[in-house]
C-alpha cells in the first residue's frame, strides 16, 4: 500500500524558513514526478512546486519563485520543500503528491495519483 507522509510543518514568523519533508513508502513504489500543493483556509488546493524523477526539471508557482526550493532524495524516497522568506499568505495545509505515469513535473492535480494527508504551515505577521 502506497503512503505519503508529510512532516516539518508548524508555526513560523514572517520572513522565517521552514522545511517540509514527504516520505514515500510502499512495496516497489518508486514515484516518478512529485509535487507540493497548498490549501489555504476557505480556498481551493493550489499548485506550489513539482519535480521530475531525476530532479533535473522543476516547476514553481509564480507566488513562490525565488523563495521555495523543491528537491528529492530518491535513495530515501523522500521529497522536500525548503520554504524561505515566508509570508502570512503562505499559510496553508501543504500536501505532497506523487505519480508513476510520467516523469515530467506538472502543476495539474489530476497528474498525481497519490496524496499525503497534509501538514499545516502557519505564518504569523
C-alpha atoms as a PDB file:
ATOM      1  CA  UNK A   1       0.000   0.000   0.000  1.00  0.00           C
ATOM      2  CA  UNK A   2       1.425   3.366  -1.019  1.00  0.00           C
ATOM      3  CA  UNK A   3       1.790   6.001   1.660  1.00  0.00           C
ATOM      4  CA  UNK A   4       2.969   9.588   1.541  1.00  0.00           C
ATOM      5  CA  UNK A   5       3.657  11.105   4.938  1.00  0.00           C
ATOM      6  CA  UNK A   6       4.423  14.800   5.296  1.00  0.00           C
ATOM      7  CA  UNK A   7       6.306  16.345   8.184  1.00  0.00           C
ATOM      8  CA  UNK A   8       8.006  19.595   9.118  1.00  0.00           C
ATOM      9  CA  UNK A   9       5.001  21.881   9.256  1.00  0.00           C
ATOM     10  CA  UNK A  10       4.439  24.273  12.116  1.00  0.00           C
ATOM     11  CA  UNK A  11       4.276  27.890  13.160  1.00  0.00           C
ATOM     12  CA  UNK A  12       6.823  30.450  11.982  1.00  0.00           C
ATOM     13  CA  UNK A  13       7.124  34.219  11.947  1.00  0.00           C
ATOM     14  CA  UNK A  14       7.015  36.070   8.656  1.00  0.00           C
ATOM     15  CA  UNK A  15      10.412  36.109   6.999  1.00  0.00           C
ATOM     16  CA  UNK A  16      11.454  32.842   8.574  1.00  0.00           C
ATOM     17  CA  UNK A  17      12.234  29.468   6.978  1.00  0.00           C
ATOM     18  CA  UNK A  18      10.621  26.072   7.211  1.00  0.00           C
ATOM     19  CA  UNK A  19      11.466  22.753   5.579  1.00  0.00           C
ATOM     20  CA  UNK A  20       8.819  20.213   4.705  1.00  0.00           C
ATOM     21  CA  UNK A  21       9.529  16.554   4.056  1.00  0.00           C
ATOM     22  CA  UNK A  22       7.428  13.847   2.445  1.00  0.00           C
ATOM     23  CA  UNK A  23       8.383  10.208   2.913  1.00  0.00           C
ATOM     24  CA  UNK A  24       7.024   7.807   0.302  1.00  0.00           C
ATOM     25  CA  UNK A  25       6.617   4.137   1.116  1.00  0.00           C
ATOM     26  CA  UNK A  26       5.046   1.080  -0.393  1.00  0.00           C
ATOM     27  CA  UNK A  27       6.235  -2.143  -1.909  1.00  0.00           C
ATOM     28  CA  UNK A  28       8.234  -1.351  -5.058  1.00  0.00           C
ATOM     29  CA  UNK A  29       6.883   2.194  -5.059  1.00  0.00           C
ATOM     30  CA  UNK A  30       9.214   4.486  -6.935  1.00  0.00           C
ATOM     31  CA  UNK A  31       7.368   7.691  -7.793  1.00  0.00           C
ATOM     32  CA  UNK A  32       8.287   9.485 -10.984  1.00  0.00           C
ATOM     33  CA  UNK A  33       7.116  13.073 -10.675  1.00  0.00           C
ATOM     34  CA  UNK A  34       6.323  14.529  -7.280  1.00  0.00           C
ATOM     35  CA  UNK A  35       4.865  17.797  -6.159  1.00  0.00           C
ATOM     36  CA  UNK A  36       3.608  20.046  -3.400  1.00  0.00           C
ATOM     37  CA  UNK A  37       0.208  21.671  -3.273  1.00  0.00           C
ATOM     38  CA  UNK A  38      -1.169  24.091  -0.700  1.00  0.00           C
ATOM     39  CA  UNK A  39      -4.692  24.715   0.523  1.00  0.00           C
ATOM     40  CA  UNK A  40      -5.381  27.924   2.423  1.00  0.00           C
ATOM     41  CA  UNK A  41      -8.455  28.226   4.653  1.00  0.00           C
ATOM     42  CA  UNK A  42     -11.589  28.597   2.563  1.00  0.00           C
ATOM     43  CA  UNK A  43      -9.707  28.228  -0.718  1.00  0.00           C
ATOM     44  CA  UNK A  44      -9.100  25.544  -3.309  1.00  0.00           C
ATOM     45  CA  UNK A  45      -5.960  23.453  -3.286  1.00  0.00           C
ATOM     46  CA  UNK A  46      -3.291  25.100  -5.450  1.00  0.00           C
ATOM     47  CA  UNK A  47      -0.055  24.090  -7.064  1.00  0.00           C
ATOM     48  CA  UNK A  48       3.153  25.099  -5.285  1.00  0.00           C
ATOM     49  CA  UNK A  49       6.052  23.170  -6.837  1.00  0.00           C
ATOM     50  CA  UNK A  50       6.842  19.973  -8.737  1.00  0.00           C
ATOM     51  CA  UNK A  51       9.921  17.984  -9.654  1.00  0.00           C
ATOM     52  CA  UNK A  52      10.879  15.278 -12.119  1.00  0.00           C
ATOM     53  CA  UNK A  53      12.270  11.898 -11.118  1.00  0.00           C
ATOM     54  CA  UNK A  54      15.852  12.958 -11.709  1.00  0.00           C
ATOM     55  CA  UNK A  55      15.395  16.325 -10.059  1.00  0.00           C
ATOM     56  CA  UNK A  56      16.654  17.980 -13.214  1.00  0.00           C
ATOM     57  CA  UNK A  57      13.331  19.578 -14.046  1.00  0.00           C
ATOM     58  CA  UNK A  58      11.295  21.675 -11.628  1.00  0.00           C
ATOM     59  CA  UNK A  59       8.263  23.930 -11.777  1.00  0.00           C
ATOM     60  CA  UNK A  60       7.053  26.573  -9.340  1.00  0.00           C
ATOM     61  CA  UNK A  61       4.002  28.695  -8.812  1.00  0.00           C
ATOM     62  CA  UNK A  62       4.777  32.351  -9.513  1.00  0.00           C
ATOM     63  CA  UNK A  63       3.966  33.240  -5.922  1.00  0.00           C
ATOM     64  CA  UNK A  64       6.823  31.107  -4.539  1.00  0.00           C
ATOM     65  CA  UNK A  65       9.526  31.501  -7.175  1.00  0.00           C
ATOM     66  CA  UNK A  66      12.793  32.617  -5.637  1.00  0.00           C
ATOM     67  CA  UNK A  67      11.586  31.725  -2.115  1.00  0.00           C
ATOM     68  CA  UNK A  68      10.816  27.986  -2.219  1.00  0.00           C
ATOM     69  CA  UNK A  69      13.012  25.152  -3.439  1.00  0.00           C
ATOM     70  CA  UNK A  70      11.779  21.645  -4.179  1.00  0.00           C
ATOM     71  CA  UNK A  71      14.197  18.721  -4.078  1.00  0.00           C
ATOM     72  CA  UNK A  72      14.179  14.963  -3.632  1.00  0.00           C
ATOM     73  CA  UNK A  73      16.384  12.132  -2.438  1.00  0.00           C
ATOM     74  CA  UNK A  74      15.474   9.037  -4.427  1.00  0.00           C
ATOM     75  CA  UNK A  75      17.660   6.800  -2.285  1.00  0.00           C
ATOM     76  CA  UNK A  76      15.444   7.717   0.661  1.00  0.00           C
ATOM     77  CA  UNK A  77      12.241   8.032  -1.377  1.00  0.00           C
ATOM     78  CA  UNK A  78      11.781  11.461   0.174  1.00  0.00           C
ATOM     79  CA  UNK A  79      10.613  14.785  -1.200  1.00  0.00           C
ATOM     80  CA  UNK A  80      11.481  18.150   0.333  1.00  0.00           C
ATOM     81  CA  UNK A  81      10.264  21.718   0.176  1.00  0.00           C
ATOM     82  CA  UNK A  82      12.580  24.387   1.528  1.00  0.00           C
ATOM     83  CA  UNK A  83      10.484  27.444   2.262  1.00  0.00           C
ATOM     84  CA  UNK A  84      12.309  30.738   2.848  1.00  0.00           C
ATOM     85  CA  UNK A  85      11.126  34.317   3.370  1.00  0.00           C
ATOM     86  CA  UNK A  86       7.732  33.025   4.398  1.00  0.00           C
ATOM     87  CA  UNK A  87       4.738  35.349   4.206  1.00  0.00           C
ATOM     88  CA  UNK A  88       1.403  35.213   6.050  1.00  0.00           C
ATOM     89  CA  UNK A  89      -0.257  34.392   2.724  1.00  0.00           C
ATOM     90  CA  UNK A  90       1.791  31.166   2.606  1.00  0.00           C
ATOM     91  CA  UNK A  91      -0.330  29.871   5.496  1.00  0.00           C
ATOM     92  CA  UNK A  92      -1.956  26.661   4.296  1.00  0.00           C
ATOM     93  CA  UNK A  93      -2.085  22.913   4.633  1.00  0.00           C
ATOM     94  CA  UNK A  94       0.636  21.567   2.363  1.00  0.00           C
ATOM     95  CA  UNK A  95       0.102  18.273   0.586  1.00  0.00           C
ATOM     96  CA  UNK A  96       2.660  16.010  -1.024  1.00  0.00           C
ATOM     97  CA  UNK A  97       1.697  14.307  -4.283  1.00  0.00           C
ATOM     98  CA  UNK A  98       3.294  11.576  -6.360  1.00  0.00           C
ATOM     99  CA  UNK A  99       2.755   9.850  -9.662  1.00  0.00           C
ATOM    100  CA  UNK A 100       4.250   6.911 -11.548  1.00  0.00           C
ATOM    101  CA  UNK A 101       2.845   7.582 -15.009  1.00  0.00           C
ATOM    102  CA  UNK A 102       5.153  10.354 -16.144  1.00  0.00           C
ATOM    103  CA  UNK A 103       8.455  11.843 -15.102  1.00  0.00           C
ATOM    104  CA  UNK A 104       7.664  15.394 -16.199  1.00  0.00           C
ATOM    105  CA  UNK A 105       6.580  17.725 -13.401  1.00  0.00           C
ATOM    106  CA  UNK A 106       3.108  19.133 -13.714  1.00  0.00           C
ATOM    107  CA  UNK A 107       1.035  21.753 -11.910  1.00  0.00           C
ATOM    108  CA  UNK A 108      -2.180  19.850 -12.622  1.00  0.00           C
ATOM    109  CA  UNK A 109      -3.690  17.987  -9.678  1.00  0.00           C
ATOM    110  CA  UNK A 110      -5.037  15.183 -11.852  1.00  0.00           C
ATOM    111  CA  UNK A 111      -1.455  14.449 -12.831  1.00  0.00           C
ATOM    112  CA  UNK A 112      -0.896  12.801  -9.459  1.00  0.00           C
ATOM    113  CA  UNK A 113      -2.345   9.515  -8.263  1.00  0.00           C
ATOM    114  CA  UNK A 114      -1.127   9.549  -4.687  1.00  0.00           C
ATOM    115  CA  UNK A 115      -1.572  12.147  -1.967  1.00  0.00           C
ATOM    116  CA  UNK A 116      -0.454  12.620   1.600  1.00  0.00           C
ATOM    117  CA  UNK A 117      -2.631  13.759   4.490  1.00  0.00           C
ATOM    118  CA  UNK A 118      -1.104  17.214   4.650  1.00  0.00           C
ATOM    119  CA  UNK A 119       0.897  19.254   7.124  1.00  0.00           C
ATOM    120  CA  UNK A 120      -0.143  22.647   8.461  1.00  0.00           C
ATOM    121  CA  UNK A 121       2.070  25.679   7.931  1.00  0.00           C
ATOM    122  CA  UNK A 122       1.123  28.859   9.763  1.00  0.00           C
ATOM    123  CA  UNK A 123       2.993  32.099   9.147  1.00  0.00           C
ATOM    124  CA  UNK A 124       2.330  34.955  11.538  1.00  0.00           C
ATOM    125  CA  UNK A 125       2.921  38.607  10.730  1.00  0.00           C
END
